[in-house]
Amino acid sequence: MNILPRNTLYIFFMILTGAVFDPAIQEEALAELTARANHDHITIDTFYHGSSVSVRGECDPRTDVVIKITSPEKSSTLKQKGKVGGLLWMNTAELEFENTPALYFVRSAEKIDEILDEQEANKHVLGYKALEHHISIGNIQDESKKDKWFQEFVKFNETKHVYRQDNEKIEYTGIRNKRTYYTLFDWPYEAQPGEYSVEVYAVRDGKVIETAHSSVLVEQAGTVKFLASTARNRSALYGTISIVVALVSGFGTGIVVKSRGGAH
């Protein structure tokens, strides 16, 4: 009695179930996404003035790539100004913003609302519109002004270079049925130490079909780390060091000014 090989039985079973000819399964197999952040460990030292981070990987050539870099979410405060007594501009209230990242970068080759459904964008918090939907604002007196205060919050963080949504260049290079992508971000001096999440989304037909993850670690080092640790844990010693540095700086400046004056 002849017994069919196992692989023959497997193929026969796959044909019966339609799996071999199911285009959805074939497409899913092709949708492989990878992500890698270069310069993923940034060191803040005495001469630190910002850096750069590149993100690269492979993606299905039939997809668009959206890249998001964020910090862990936290609460933020924005002071609301107004006239008091009709004369003076003063802080009249503090607006509490919940679920806000300290750093928020989103980049895509095309506009988010042109390649992604609104529901999908909100689900993955991709773009300022989705971010506005995601966060909550407390202590706001007029709900109709929520959009206005959100725009002010974004503008404030953009001036600090820690918020950015753009359609800048993402370079694609095709290799057979795969292609590679590459883009470069300027890393702001204002970004605080911590671990930042790098998420890459493969988008097709308005949906996110796959994601890939990487990360960027920012750490203080050397004198900067020592001073920050001292200020946090030994405030008295930090105050003494600050006074000594100020005195030495003032003494040095006085010597320079005096020597210049004596030269005339």
Foldseek 3Di string as FASTA:
>chain_A
DDDDDPVVVVVVVCVVVVVVVPVVNVVLVLFDKEKDKPQQEAEDEPPDFFDKIKMKIKGFPQWWKKKKKFAFWDKDKDFDWDDDPNPDIDGDDIKIKGRDTLAIEMETLDDLVVFAPPVQCLVVVHDLVSVLVVIDIPPDPDPVCSVVVSVVVQVVSVVQVRYDYDNDDWDWADDVRMIMTMDMGTGGPSDDFDKMKMKMFITHPNHGSDIYIDIHGYYYDDPVVVLVVCVVPPVVVNVVVVVVVVVVVVVVVVVVVVVVVVVD
